[in-house]
Amino acid sequence: MVFTHYLAFGDDKKVLTVEEDKKAWGEYGKALQKYNLKLTGPFGPFGVKEGGAFILEGTIENFEKYIGSEAFAKCPLTNVRTISLYKMPWA
């Protein structure tokens, strides 16, 4: 089993205007490049209490290096929960 995607849910760190929000997510996406992680999102999740969600794609090694990094600190969300996903062998 090899993890390839990380589905994350969280709450906004602070209320931002649409332009500030776009800028914050753009800066976060750029910071993730150092860890070879690709950002998809943000999304508005349905079915969870958190107000924001996103997906990261990359190796588990790169994801583990990212945790606690300066890129991690740039995430526009707080109280983030992550679900690690692996690709089904037949997919």
PDB file of N, CA and C in Angstrom:
ATOM      1  N   MET A   1       0.859  -1.180   0.000  1.00  0.00           N
ATOM      2  CA  MET A   1       0.000   0.000   0.000  1.00  0.00           C
ATOM      3  C   MET A   1       0.902   1.239   0.000  1.00  0.00           C
ATOM      4  N   VAL A   2       0.718   2.074  -1.003  1.00  0.00           N
ATOM      5  CA  VAL A   2       1.519   3.291  -1.134  1.00  0.00           C
ATOM      6  C   VAL A   2       0.583   4.495  -1.114  1.00  0.00           C
ATOM      7  N   PHE A   3       0.749   5.366  -0.130  1.00  0.00           N
ATOM      8  CA  PHE A   3      -0.085   6.571  -0.052  1.00  0.00           C
ATOM      9  C   PHE A   3       0.347   7.563  -1.120  1.00  0.00           C
ATOM     10  N   THR A   4      -0.632   8.163  -1.797  1.00  0.00           N
ATOM     11  CA  THR A   4      -0.354   9.099  -2.882  1.00  0.00           C
ATOM     12  C   THR A   4      -1.100  10.425  -2.750  1.00  0.00           C
ATOM     13  N   HIS A   5      -2.204  10.434  -2.011  1.00  0.00           N
ATOM     14  CA  HIS A   5      -3.032  11.635  -1.868  1.00  0.00           C
ATOM     15  C   HIS A   5      -3.417  11.817  -0.403  1.00  0.00           C
ATOM     16  N   TYR A   6      -3.611  13.076  -0.028  1.00  0.00           N
ATOM     17  CA  TYR A   6      -3.916  13.416   1.367  1.00  0.00           C
ATOM     18  C   TYR A   6      -5.073  14.405   1.348  1.00  0.00           C
ATOM     19  N   LEU A   7      -6.226  13.946   1.785  1.00  0.00           N
ATOM     20  CA  LEU A   7      -7.443  14.746   1.805  1.00  0.00           C
ATOM     21  C   LEU A   7      -7.516  15.428   3.159  1.00  0.00           C
ATOM     22  N   ALA A   8      -7.537  16.753   3.154  1.00  0.00           N
ATOM     23  CA  ALA A   8      -7.475  17.510   4.406  1.00  0.00           C
ATOM     24  C   ALA A   8      -8.699  18.404   4.566  1.00  0.00           C
ATOM     25  N   PHE A   9      -9.168  18.513   5.812  1.00  0.00           N
ATOM     26  CA  PHE A   9     -10.304  19.350   6.177  1.00  0.00           C
ATOM     27  C   PHE A   9      -9.869  20.282   7.296  1.00  0.00           C
ATOM     28  N   GLY A  10     -10.353  21.503   7.292  1.00  0.00           N
ATOM     29  CA  GLY A  10     -10.022  22.414   8.379  1.00  0.00           C
ATOM     30  C   GLY A  10     -10.902  23.644   8.369  1.00  0.00           C
ATOM     31  N   ASP A  11     -10.632  24.511   9.330  1.00  0.00           N
ATOM     32  CA  ASP A  11     -11.359  25.775   9.477  1.00  0.00           C
ATOM     33  C   ASP A  11     -10.458  26.918   9.030  1.00  0.00           C
ATOM     34  N   ASP A  12     -11.065  27.980   8.489  1.00  0.00           N
ATOM     35  CA  ASP A  12     -10.291  29.153   8.106  1.00  0.00           C
ATOM     36  C   ASP A  12      -9.547  29.712   9.309  1.00  0.00           C
ATOM     37  N   LYS A  13      -8.263  30.072   9.116  1.00  0.00           N
ATOM     38  CA  LYS A  13      -7.492  30.693  10.199  1.00  0.00           C
ATOM     39  C   LYS A  13      -8.084  32.038  10.558  1.00  0.00           C
ATOM     40  N   LYS A  14      -8.520  32.781   9.526  1.00  0.00           N
ATOM     41  CA  LYS A  14      -9.173  34.066   9.747  1.00  0.00           C
ATOM     42  C   LYS A  14     -10.053  34.379   8.556  1.00  0.00           C
ATOM     43  N   VAL A  15     -10.949  35.306   8.722  1.00  0.00           N
ATOM     44  CA  VAL A  15     -11.847  35.701   7.646  1.00  0.00           C
ATOM     45  C   VAL A  15     -11.060  36.568   6.668  1.00  0.00           C
ATOM     46  N   LEU A  16     -11.097  36.187   5.394  1.00  0.00           N
ATOM     47  CA  LEU A  16     -10.378  36.905   4.353  1.00  0.00           C
ATOM     48  C   LEU A  16     -11.336  37.347   3.263  1.00  0.00           C
ATOM     49  N   THR A  17     -10.945  38.401   2.558  1.00  0.00           N
ATOM     50  CA  THR A  17     -11.705  38.778   1.371  1.00  0.00           C
ATOM     51  C   THR A  17     -11.404  37.733   0.293  1.00  0.00           C
ATOM     52  N   VAL A  18     -12.159  37.758  -0.777  1.00  0.00           N
ATOM     53  CA  VAL A  18     -11.937  36.799  -1.864  1.00  0.00           C
ATOM     54  C   VAL A  18     -10.520  36.950  -2.408  1.00  0.00           C
ATOM     55  N   GLU A  19     -10.063  38.156  -2.603  1.00  0.00           N
ATOM     56  CA  GLU A  19      -8.708  38.385  -3.131  1.00  0.00           C
ATOM     57  C   GLU A  19      -7.639  37.915  -2.143  1.00  0.00           C
ATOM     58  N   GLU A  20      -7.820  38.192  -0.855  1.00  0.00           N
ATOM     59  CA  GLU A  20      -6.867  37.727   0.158  1.00  0.00           C
ATOM     60  C   GLU A  20      -6.830  36.205   0.222  1.00  0.00           C
ATOM     61  N   ASP A  21      -7.996  35.594   0.078  1.00  0.00           N
ATOM     62  CA  ASP A  21      -8.093  34.136   0.109  1.00  0.00           C
ATOM     63  C   ASP A  21      -7.353  33.522  -1.086  1.00  0.00           C
ATOM     64  N   LYS A  22      -7.569  34.079  -2.282  1.00  0.00           N
ATOM     65  CA  LYS A  22      -6.863  33.598  -3.474  1.00  0.00           C
ATOM     66  C   LYS A  22      -5.350  33.724  -3.297  1.00  0.00           C
ATOM     67  N   LYS A  23      -4.916  34.849  -2.744  1.00  0.00           N
ATOM     68  CA  LYS A  23      -3.481  35.083  -2.529  1.00  0.00           C
ATOM     69  C   LYS A  23      -2.918  34.073  -1.527  1.00  0.00           C
ATOM     70  N   ALA A  24      -3.630  33.854  -0.425  1.00  0.00           N
ATOM     71  CA  ALA A  24      -3.161  32.921   0.609  1.00  0.00           C
ATOM     72  C   ALA A  24      -3.033  31.503   0.056  1.00  0.00           C
ATOM     73  N   TRP A  25      -4.014  31.050  -0.716  1.00  0.00           N
ATOM     74  CA  TRP A  25      -3.956  29.707  -1.299  1.00  0.00           C
ATOM     75  C   TRP A  25      -2.858  29.623  -2.351  1.00  0.00           C
ATOM     76  N   GLY A  26      -2.642  30.699  -3.097  1.00  0.00           N
ATOM     77  CA  GLY A  26      -1.566  30.728  -4.084  1.00  0.00           C
ATOM     78  C   GLY A  26      -0.193  30.619  -3.429  1.00  0.00           C
ATOM     79  N   GLU A  27       0.001  31.358  -2.338  1.00  0.00           N
ATOM     80  CA  GLU A  27       1.269  31.300  -1.604  1.00  0.00           C
ATOM     81  C   GLU A  27       1.477  29.915  -0.989  1.00  0.00           C
ATOM     82  N   TYR A  28       0.417  29.328  -0.493  1.00  0.00           N
ATOM     83  CA  TYR A  28       0.499  27.987   0.083  1.00  0.00           C
ATOM     84  C   TYR A  28       0.905  26.983  -0.995  1.00  0.00           C
ATOM     85  N   GLY A  29       0.262  27.064  -2.159  1.00  0.00           N
ATOM     86  CA  GLY A  29       0.593  26.166  -3.263  1.00  0.00           C
ATOM     87  C   GLY A  29       2.047  26.285  -3.687  1.00  0.00           C
ATOM     88  N   LYS A  30       2.566  27.503  -3.732  1.00  0.00           N
ATOM     89  CA  LYS A  30       3.975  27.715  -4.085  1.00  0.00           C
ATOM     90  C   LYS A  30       4.902  27.136  -3.023  1.00  0.00           C
ATOM     91  N   ALA A  31       4.549  27.304  -1.760  1.00  0.00           N
ATOM     92  CA  ALA A  31       5.371  26.774  -0.662  1.00  0.00           C
ATOM     93  C   ALA A  31       5.427  25.248  -0.704  1.00  0.00           C
ATOM     94  N   LEU A  32       4.353  24.624  -1.161  1.00  0.00           N
ATOM     95  CA  LEU A  32       4.306  23.161  -1.239  1.00  0.00           C
ATOM     96  C   LEU A  32       5.251  22.600  -2.300  1.00  0.00           C
ATOM     97  N   GLN A  33       5.587  23.393  -3.297  1.00  0.00           N
ATOM     98  CA  GLN A  33       6.461  22.927  -4.373  1.00  0.00           C
ATOM     99  C   GLN A  33       7.814  22.473  -3.838  1.00  0.00           C
ATOM    100  N   LYS A  34       8.291  23.121  -2.781  1.00  0.00           N
ATOM    101  CA  LYS A  34       9.574  22.742  -2.168  1.00  0.00           C
ATOM    102  C   LYS A  34       9.537  21.289  -1.682  1.00  0.00           C
ATOM    103  N   TYR A  35       8.360  20.797  -1.368  1.00  0.00           N
ATOM    104  CA  TYR A  35       8.178  19.438  -0.845  1.00  0.00           C
ATOM    105  C   TYR A  35       7.617  18.490  -1.906  1.00  0.00           C
ATOM    106  N   ASN A  36       7.615  18.947  -3.155  1.00  0.00           N
ATOM    107  CA  ASN A  36       7.098  18.148  -4.272  1.00  0.00           C
ATOM    108  C   ASN A  36       5.680  17.645  -4.017  1.00  0.00           C
ATOM    109  N   LEU A  37       4.870  18.533  -3.446  1.00  0.00           N
ATOM    110  CA  LEU A  37       3.459  18.229  -3.209  1.00  0.00           C
ATOM    111  C   LEU A  37       2.615  19.123  -4.104  1.00  0.00           C
ATOM    112  N   LYS A  38       1.620  18.544  -4.718  1.00  0.00           N
ATOM    113  CA  LYS A  38       0.709  19.282  -5.589  1.00  0.00           C
ATOM    114  C   LYS A  38      -0.590  19.545  -4.845  1.00  0.00           C
ATOM    115  N   LEU A  39      -1.034  20.788  -4.899  1.00  0.00           N
ATOM    116  CA  LEU A  39      -2.274  21.209  -4.248  1.00  0.00           C
ATOM    117  C   LEU A  39      -3.420  21.186  -5.245  1.00  0.00           C
ATOM    118  N   THR A  40      -4.532  20.575  -4.847  1.00  0.00           N
ATOM    119  CA  THR A  40      -5.786  20.652  -5.583  1.00  0.00           C
ATOM    120  C   THR A  40      -6.810  21.236  -4.622  1.00  0.00           C
ATOM    121  N   GLY A  41      -7.479  22.260  -5.054  1.00  0.00           N
ATOM    122  CA  GLY A  41      -8.456  22.915  -4.190  1.00  0.00           C
ATOM    123  C   GLY A  41      -8.083  24.374  -4.035  1.00  0.00           C
ATOM    124  N   PRO A  42      -8.709  25.040  -3.121  1.00  0.00           N
ATOM    125  CA  PRO A  42      -9.532  24.552  -2.024  1.00  0.00           C
ATOM    126  C   PRO A  42     -10.949  24.185  -2.478  1.00  0.00           C
ATOM    127  N   PHE A  43     -11.589  23.443  -1.606  1.00  0.00           N
ATOM    128  CA  PHE A  43     -12.957  23.012  -1.820  1.00  0.00           C
ATOM    129  C   PHE A  43     -13.814  23.416  -0.630  1.00  0.00           C
ATOM    130  N   GLY A  44     -15.108  23.498  -0.851  1.00  0.00           N
ATOM    131  CA  GLY A  44     -16.079  23.662   0.216  1.00  0.00           C
ATOM    132  C   GLY A  44     -16.688  22.298   0.478  1.00  0.00           C
ATOM    133  N   PRO A  45     -16.321  21.651   1.566  1.00  0.00           N
ATOM    134  CA  PRO A  45     -16.803  20.288   1.804  1.00  0.00           C
ATOM    135  C   PRO A  45     -18.260  20.252   2.252  1.00  0.00           C
ATOM    136  N   PHE A  46     -18.904  19.152   1.972  1.00  0.00           N
ATOM    137  CA  PHE A  46     -20.266  18.897   2.409  1.00  0.00           C
ATOM    138  C   PHE A  46     -20.245  17.600   3.212  1.00  0.00           C
ATOM    139  N   GLY A  47     -20.785  17.620   4.407  1.00  0.00           N
ATOM    140  CA  GLY A  47     -20.855  16.406   5.211  1.00  0.00           C
ATOM    141  C   GLY A  47     -19.868  16.359   6.359  1.00  0.00           C
ATOM    142  N   VAL A  48     -19.049  17.397   6.492  1.00  0.00           N
ATOM    143  CA  VAL A  48     -18.142  17.497   7.640  1.00  0.00           C
ATOM    144  C   VAL A  48     -18.330  18.866   8.270  1.00  0.00           C
ATOM    145  N   LYS A  49     -17.936  19.008   9.524  1.00  0.00           N
ATOM    146  CA  LYS A  49     -18.165  20.269  10.226  1.00  0.00           C
ATOM    147  C   LYS A  49     -17.218  21.386   9.788  1.00  0.00           C
ATOM    148  N   GLU A  50     -16.047  21.007   9.222  1.00  0.00           N
ATOM    149  CA  GLU A  50     -15.076  22.001   8.799  1.00  0.00           C
ATOM    150  C   GLU A  50     -15.562  22.750   7.564  1.00  0.00           C
ATOM    151  N   GLY A  51     -15.084  23.974   7.403  1.00  0.00           N
ATOM    152  CA  GLY A  51     -15.543  24.811   6.299  1.00  0.00           C
ATOM    153  C   GLY A  51     -14.676  24.787   5.059  1.00  0.00           C
ATOM    154  N   GLY A  52     -13.502  24.165   5.133  1.00  0.00           N
ATOM    155  CA  GLY A  52     -12.598  24.136   3.982  1.00  0.00           C
ATOM    156  C   GLY A  52     -11.961  22.770   3.819  1.00  0.00           C
ATOM    157  N   ALA A  53     -11.558  22.476   2.586  1.00  0.00           N
ATOM    158  CA  ALA A  53     -10.897  21.199   2.309  1.00  0.00           C
ATOM    159  C   ALA A  53      -9.951  21.381   1.131  1.00  0.00           C
ATOM    160  N   PHE A  54      -8.961  20.501   1.037  1.00  0.00           N
ATOM    161  CA  PHE A  54      -8.047  20.489  -0.090  1.00  0.00           C
ATOM    162  C   PHE A  54      -7.419  19.110  -0.185  1.00  0.00           C
ATOM    163  N   ILE A  55      -6.775  18.854  -1.321  1.00  0.00           N
ATOM    164  CA  ILE A  55      -6.090  17.581  -1.540  1.00  0.00           C
ATOM    165  C   ILE A  55      -4.636  17.872  -1.874  1.00  0.00           C
ATOM    166  N   LEU A  56      -3.729  17.139  -1.252  1.00  0.00           N
ATOM    167  CA  LEU A  56      -2.315  17.181  -1.611  1.00  0.00           C
ATOM    168  C   LEU A  56      -1.979  15.872  -2.300  1.00  0.00           C
ATOM    169  N   GLU A  57      -1.109  15.942  -3.292  1.00  0.00           N
ATOM    170  CA  GLU A  57      -0.666  14.747  -4.002  1.00  0.00           C
ATOM    171  C   GLU A  57       0.853  14.676  -3.939  1.00  0.00           C
ATOM    172  N   GLY A  58       1.365  13.511  -3.562  1.00  0.00           N
ATOM    173  CA  GLY A  58       2.804  13.307  -3.498  1.00  0.00           C
ATOM    174  C   GLY A  58       3.129  12.056  -2.706  1.00  0.00           C
ATOM    175  N   THR A  59       4.415  11.806  -2.533  1.00  0.00           N
ATOM    176  CA  THR A  59       4.838  10.619  -1.796  1.00  0.00           C
ATOM    177  C   THR A  59       4.640  10.812  -0.297  1.00  0.00           C
ATOM    178  N   ILE A  60       4.567   9.708   0.416  1.00  0.00           N
ATOM    179  CA  ILE A  60       4.438   9.785   1.875  1.00  0.00           C
ATOM    180  C   ILE A  60       5.688  10.413   2.480  1.00  0.00           C
ATOM    181  N   GLU A  61       6.847  10.158   1.880  1.00  0.00           N
ATOM    182  CA  GLU A  61       8.092  10.748   2.391  1.00  0.00           C
ATOM    183  C   GLU A  61       8.048  12.268   2.299  1.00  0.00           C
ATOM    184  N   ASN A  62       7.586  12.788   1.167  1.00  0.00           N
ATOM    185  CA  ASN A  62       7.485  14.243   1.018  1.00  0.00           C
ATOM    186  C   ASN A  62       6.410  14.826   1.918  1.00  0.00           C
ATOM    187  N   PHE A  63       5.314  14.109   2.079  1.00  0.00           N
ATOM    188  CA  PHE A  63       4.256  14.579   2.973  1.00  0.00           C
ATOM    189  C   PHE A  63       4.763  14.655   4.416  1.00  0.00           C
ATOM    190  N   GLU A  64       5.521  13.657   4.840  1.00  0.00           N
ATOM    191  CA  GLU A  64       6.060  13.661   6.204  1.00  0.00           C
ATOM    192  C   GLU A  64       7.061  14.794   6.408  1.00  0.00           C
ATOM    193  N   LYS A  65       7.865  15.125   5.388  1.00  0.00           N
ATOM    194  CA  LYS A  65       8.808  16.249   5.490  1.00  0.00           C
ATOM    195  C   LYS A  65       8.057  17.569   5.592  1.00  0.00           C
ATOM    196  N   TYR A  66       6.912  17.649   4.954  1.00  0.00           N
ATOM    197  CA  TYR A  66       6.086  18.860   4.947  1.00  0.00           C
ATOM    198  C   TYR A  66       5.474  19.156   6.319  1.00  0.00           C
ATOM    199  N   ILE A  67       5.113  18.116   7.061  1.00  0.00           N
ATOM    200  CA  ILE A  67       4.471  18.311   8.368  1.00  0.00           C
ATOM    201  C   ILE A  67       5.407  19.095   9.280  1.00  0.00           C
ATOM    202  N   GLY A  68       4.909  20.188   9.814  1.00  0.00           N
ATOM    203  CA  GLY A  68       5.685  21.036  10.718  1.00  0.00           C
ATOM    204  C   GLY A  68       6.617  22.013  10.016  1.00  0.00           C
ATOM    205  N   SER A  69       6.609  22.045   8.685  1.00  0.00           N
ATOM    206  CA  SER A  69       7.507  22.918   7.921  1.00  0.00           C
ATOM    207  C   SER A  69       6.935  24.333   7.798  1.00  0.00           C
ATOM    208  N   GLU A  70       7.716  25.206   7.138  1.00  0.00           N
ATOM    209  CA  GLU A  70       7.233  26.560   6.868  1.00  0.00           C
ATOM    210  C   GLU A  70       6.051  26.522   5.901  1.00  0.00           C
ATOM    211  N   ALA A  71       6.019  25.549   4.999  1.00  0.00           N
ATOM    212  CA  ALA A  71       4.875  25.398   4.093  1.00  0.00           C
ATOM    213  C   ALA A  71       3.626  25.006   4.885  1.00  0.00           C
ATOM    214  N   PHE A  72       3.795  24.117   5.838  1.00  0.00           N
ATOM    215  CA  PHE A  72       2.696  23.688   6.703  1.00  0.00           C
ATOM    216  C   PHE A  72       2.091  24.901   7.416  1.00  0.00           C
ATOM    217  N   ALA A  73       2.955  25.803   7.875  1.00  0.00           N
ATOM    218  CA  ALA A  73       2.498  27.001   8.594  1.00  0.00           C
ATOM    219  C   ALA A  73       1.732  27.963   7.683  1.00  0.00           C
ATOM    220  N   LYS A  74       1.965  27.894   6.377  1.00  0.00           N
ATOM    221  CA  LYS A  74       1.284  28.787   5.437  1.00  0.00           C
ATOM    222  C   LYS A  74      -0.117  28.309   5.060  1.00  0.00           C
ATOM    223  N   CYS A  75      -0.494  27.127   5.484  1.00  0.00           N
ATOM    224  CA  CYS A  75      -1.824  26.619   5.153  1.00  0.00           C
ATOM    225  C   CYS A  75      -2.884  27.595   5.661  1.00  0.00           C
ATOM    226  N   PRO A  76      -3.806  28.027   4.805  1.00  0.00           N
ATOM    227  CA  PRO A  76      -4.841  28.972   5.228  1.00  0.00           C
ATOM    228  C   PRO A  76      -5.861  28.389   6.210  1.00  0.00           C
ATOM    229  N   LEU A  77      -5.782  27.079   6.464  1.00  0.00           N
ATOM    230  CA  LEU A  77      -6.721  26.437   7.380  1.00  0.00           C
ATOM    231  C   LEU A  77      -6.028  26.066   8.686  1.00  0.00           C
ATOM    232  N   THR A  78      -6.812  25.935   9.726  1.00  0.00           N
ATOM    233  CA  THR A  78      -6.324  25.492  11.025  1.00  0.00           C
ATOM    234  C   THR A  78      -7.164  24.295  11.473  1.00  0.00           C
ATOM    235  N   ASN A  79      -6.728  23.620  12.522  1.00  0.00           N
ATOM    236  CA  ASN A  79      -7.431  22.438  13.030  1.00  0.00           C
ATOM    237  C   ASN A  79      -7.646  21.415  11.908  1.00  0.00           C
ATOM    238  N   VAL A  80      -6.605  21.180  11.137  1.00  0.00           N
ATOM    239  CA  VAL A  80      -6.696  20.328   9.954  1.00  0.00           C
ATOM    240  C   VAL A  80      -6.673  18.848  10.329  1.00  0.00           C
ATOM    241  N   ARG A  81      -7.611  18.115   9.755  1.00  0.00           N
ATOM    242  CA  ARG A  81      -7.630  16.644   9.841  1.00  0.00           C
ATOM    243  C   ARG A  81      -7.256  16.126   8.463  1.00  0.00           C
ATOM    244  N   THR A  82      -6.458  15.077   8.428  1.00  0.00           N
ATOM    245  CA  THR A  82      -6.007  14.545   7.137  1.00  0.00           C
ATOM    246  C   THR A  82      -6.349  13.065   7.021  1.00  0.00           C
ATOM    247  N   ILE A  83      -6.812  12.688   5.846  1.00  0.00           N
ATOM    248  CA  ILE A  83      -7.053  11.289   5.516  1.00  0.00           C
ATOM    249  C   ILE A  83      -6.053  10.925   4.420  1.00  0.00           C
ATOM    250  N   SER A  84      -5.177   9.970   4.680  1.00  0.00           N
ATOM    251  CA  SER A  84      -4.206   9.515   3.684  1.00  0.00           C
ATOM    252  C   SER A  84      -4.874   8.483   2.781  1.00  0.00           C
ATOM    253  N   LEU A  85      -4.687   8.641   1.471  1.00  0.00           N
ATOM    254  CA  LEU A  85      -5.335   7.775   0.492  1.00  0.00           C
ATOM    255  C   LEU A  85      -4.294   7.020  -0.322  1.00  0.00           C
ATOM    256  N   TYR A  86      -4.639   5.813  -0.728  1.00  0.00           N
ATOM    257  CA  TYR A  86      -3.774   5.053  -1.629  1.00  0.00           C
ATOM    258  C   TYR A  86      -4.588   4.629  -2.833  1.00  0.00           C
ATOM    259  N   LYS A  87      -3.897   4.464  -3.948  1.00  0.00           N
ATOM    260  CA  LYS A  87      -4.550   4.065  -5.192  1.00  0.00           C
ATOM    261  C   LYS A  87      -4.786   2.565  -5.165  1.00  0.00           C
ATOM    262  N   MET A  88      -5.968   2.170  -5.544  1.00  0.00           N
ATOM    263  CA  MET A  88      -6.294   0.743  -5.596  1.00  0.00           C
ATOM    264  C   MET A  88      -5.419   0.081  -6.652  1.00  0.00           C
ATOM    265  N   PRO A  89      -4.928  -1.127  -6.382  1.00  0.00           N
ATOM    266  CA  PRO A  89      -4.019  -1.802  -7.320  1.00  0.00           C
ATOM    267  C   PRO A  89      -4.612  -2.017  -8.705  1.00  0.00           C
ATOM    268  N   TRP A  90      -5.911  -2.126  -8.790  1.00  0.00           N
ATOM    269  CA  TRP A  90      -6.560  -2.384 -10.074  1.00  0.00           C
ATOM    270  C   TRP A  90      -6.939  -1.096 -10.808  1.00  0.00           C
ATOM    271  N   ALA A  91      -6.745   0.063 -10.171  1.00  0.00           N
ATOM    272  CA  ALA A  91      -7.159   1.335 -10.796  1.00  0.00           C
ATOM    273  C   ALA A  91      -6.133   1.869 -11.777  1.00  0.00           C
TER     274      ALA A  91
END
